């Protein structure tokens, strides 16, 4: 079973991401949640996570900071990170991809885009 970490300061946004994954056919996932990057690092320390979805704008540690922490850690740098933002721009997307995000998605999530990211970039299996 794949282990997914969803990081967002909004519990509603975390629920919407989880439901979006289910609608795309990825309903047999072990989903962990975190309210910010600091909390996410704790979850990553305690669990073997296969994929991280992170909001960009959060208190304490934002998505960019979390991405940099994950990619600079020898123990975690193999984990794919997808950044989700309501303020997606070409410049921001280019910077995040350069920082090794596998994708940057806009909020609200467009299901065909999410499905494409999952199928093309990630080692997840649909049920």
Protein backbone atom coordinates (compact mmCIF):
# COMPACT_ATOMS: atom_id res chain seq x y z
CA UNK A 1 0.00 0.00 0.00
CA UNK A 2 1.30 3.44 -0.92
CA UNK A 3 1.76 5.97 1.85
CA UNK A 4 0.83 9.56 0.96
CA UNK A 5 1.45 12.66 3.06
CA UNK A 6 -0.87 15.62 2.44
CA UNK A 7 0.41 18.89 3.90
CA UNK A 8 -1.90 21.90 4.08
CA UNK A 9 -2.91 24.30 6.85
CA UNK A 10 -6.55 23.86 5.79
CA UNK A 11 -8.21 20.61 6.86
CA UNK A 12 -10.79 21.15 4.09
CA UNK A 13 -8.01 21.36 1.48
CA UNK A 14 -6.44 18.15 2.82
CA UNK A 15 -9.82 16.41 2.54
CA UNK A 16 -10.31 17.68 -1.02
CA UNK A 17 -6.88 16.37 -2.08
CA UNK A 18 -7.64 12.98 -0.54
CA UNK A 19 -11.02 12.84 -2.31
CA UNK A 20 -9.39 13.89 -5.59
CA UNK A 21 -6.96 10.98 -5.29
CA UNK A 22 -9.88 8.61 -4.71
CA UNK A 23 -11.80 9.97 -7.72
CA UNK A 24 -8.69 9.39 -9.86
CA UNK A 25 -8.80 5.72 -8.82
CA UNK A 26 -6.17 5.83 -6.08
CA UNK A 27 -8.43 4.84 -3.21
CA UNK A 28 -6.26 2.19 -1.57
CA UNK A 29 -3.80 4.64 -0.05
CA UNK A 30 -2.51 5.03 3.47
CA UNK A 31 -2.95 8.80 3.89
CA UNK A 32 -1.12 10.86 6.50
CA UNK A 33 -1.85 14.53 7.08
CA UNK A 34 0.16 17.49 8.37
CA UNK A 35 -0.85 21.10 8.97
CA UNK A 36 2.48 22.67 7.95
CA UNK A 37 6.05 21.85 6.98
CA UNK A 38 7.27 21.48 10.58
CA UNK A 39 4.53 18.94 11.30
CA UNK A 40 5.25 17.23 7.94
CA UNK A 41 8.93 16.75 8.84
CA UNK A 42 7.83 14.99 12.03
CA UNK A 43 5.50 12.69 10.06
CA UNK A 44 8.31 11.98 7.57
CA UNK A 45 10.69 11.16 10.42
CA UNK A 46 8.24 8.62 11.89
CA UNK A 47 6.86 7.00 8.71
CA UNK A 48 8.02 5.70 5.34
CA UNK A 49 6.19 8.04 2.98
CA UNK A 50 6.04 7.36 -0.78
CA UNK A 51 4.67 10.71 -1.99
CA UNK A 52 4.13 14.21 -0.57
CA UNK A 53 1.47 16.70 -1.66
CA UNK A 54 2.19 20.09 -0.12
CA UNK A 55 0.46 23.43 -0.17
CA UNK A 56 2.83 26.28 -0.99
CA UNK A 57 1.62 28.92 1.49
CA UNK A 58 1.50 27.72 5.12
CA UNK A 59 2.57 29.09 8.50
CA UNK A 60 5.74 27.92 10.32
CA UNK A 61 7.30 26.21 7.27
CA UNK A 62 5.87 26.73 3.79
CA UNK A 63 5.84 24.26 0.93
CA UNK A 64 9.03 25.62 -0.61
CA UNK A 65 10.87 25.24 2.69
CA UNK A 66 9.51 21.71 3.09
CA UNK A 67 10.56 20.81 -0.45
CA UNK A 68 14.11 22.05 0.21
CA UNK A 69 14.30 20.16 3.53
CA UNK A 70 13.12 16.91 1.92
CA UNK A 71 15.45 17.20 -1.08
CA UNK A 72 18.47 18.07 1.10
CA UNK A 73 17.96 15.02 3.33
CA UNK A 74 19.80 11.85 2.26
CA UNK A 75 17.06 9.80 3.97
CA UNK A 76 14.14 11.61 2.32
CA UNK A 77 15.40 13.01 -1.02
CA UNK A 78 13.97 10.08 -3.02
CA UNK A 79 10.39 11.06 -2.10
CA UNK A 80 8.48 12.78 -4.92
CA UNK A 81 6.95 16.10 -3.88
CA UNK A 82 3.98 17.73 -5.63
CA UNK A 83 3.36 21.38 -4.74
CA UNK A 84 -0.20 22.71 -4.84
CA UNK A 85 -0.88 26.44 -4.83
CA UNK A 86 -3.74 28.86 -5.27
CA UNK A 87 -1.16 31.40 -6.48
CA UNK A 88 0.51 29.35 -9.19
CA UNK A 89 2.61 31.35 -11.64
CA UNK A 90 5.07 30.35 -14.35
CA UNK A 91 7.99 31.85 -12.38
CA UNK A 92 7.01 30.06 -9.17
CA UNK A 93 6.49 26.78 -11.01
CA UNK A 94 9.90 27.08 -12.72
CA UNK A 95 11.63 27.70 -9.37
CA UNK A 96 9.87 24.80 -7.64
CA UNK A 97 10.67 22.40 -10.48
CA UNK A 98 14.30 23.57 -10.31
CA UNK A 99 14.14 22.73 -6.58
CA UNK A 100 13.08 19.18 -7.60
CA UNK A 101 9.30 19.23 -7.21
CA UNK A 102 7.89 16.62 -9.62
CA UNK A 103 4.90 18.87 -10.40
CA UNK A 104 3.16 22.08 -9.42
CA UNK A 105 -0.63 22.02 -9.50
CA UNK A 106 -3.07 24.90 -9.16
CA UNK A 107 -5.87 25.05 -6.62
CA UNK A 108 -8.55 24.00 -7.11
CA UNK A 109 -7.10 20.76 -8.39
CA UNK A 110 -8.10 19.80 -11.93
CA UNK A 111 -8.62 16.04 -11.88
CA UNK A 112 -7.16 15.26 -15.34
CA UNK A 113 -3.97 17.18 -14.38
CA UNK A 114 -3.73 15.30 -11.07
CA UNK A 115 -4.26 11.98 -12.81
CA UNK A 116 -1.59 12.80 -15.40
CA UNK A 117 0.93 13.76 -12.70
CA UNK A 118 0.23 10.53 -10.81
CA UNK A 119 0.44 8.29 -13.86
CA UNK A 120 3.46 9.94 -15.49
CA UNK A 121 5.68 10.76 -12.54
CA UNK A 122 4.87 8.51 -9.66
CA UNK A 123 5.12 4.87 -8.80
CA UNK A 124 1.53 4.45 -7.68
CA UNK A 125 -0.82 1.76 -8.82
CA UNK A 126 -4.51 2.22 -9.37
CA UNK A 127 -6.85 -0.36 -7.95
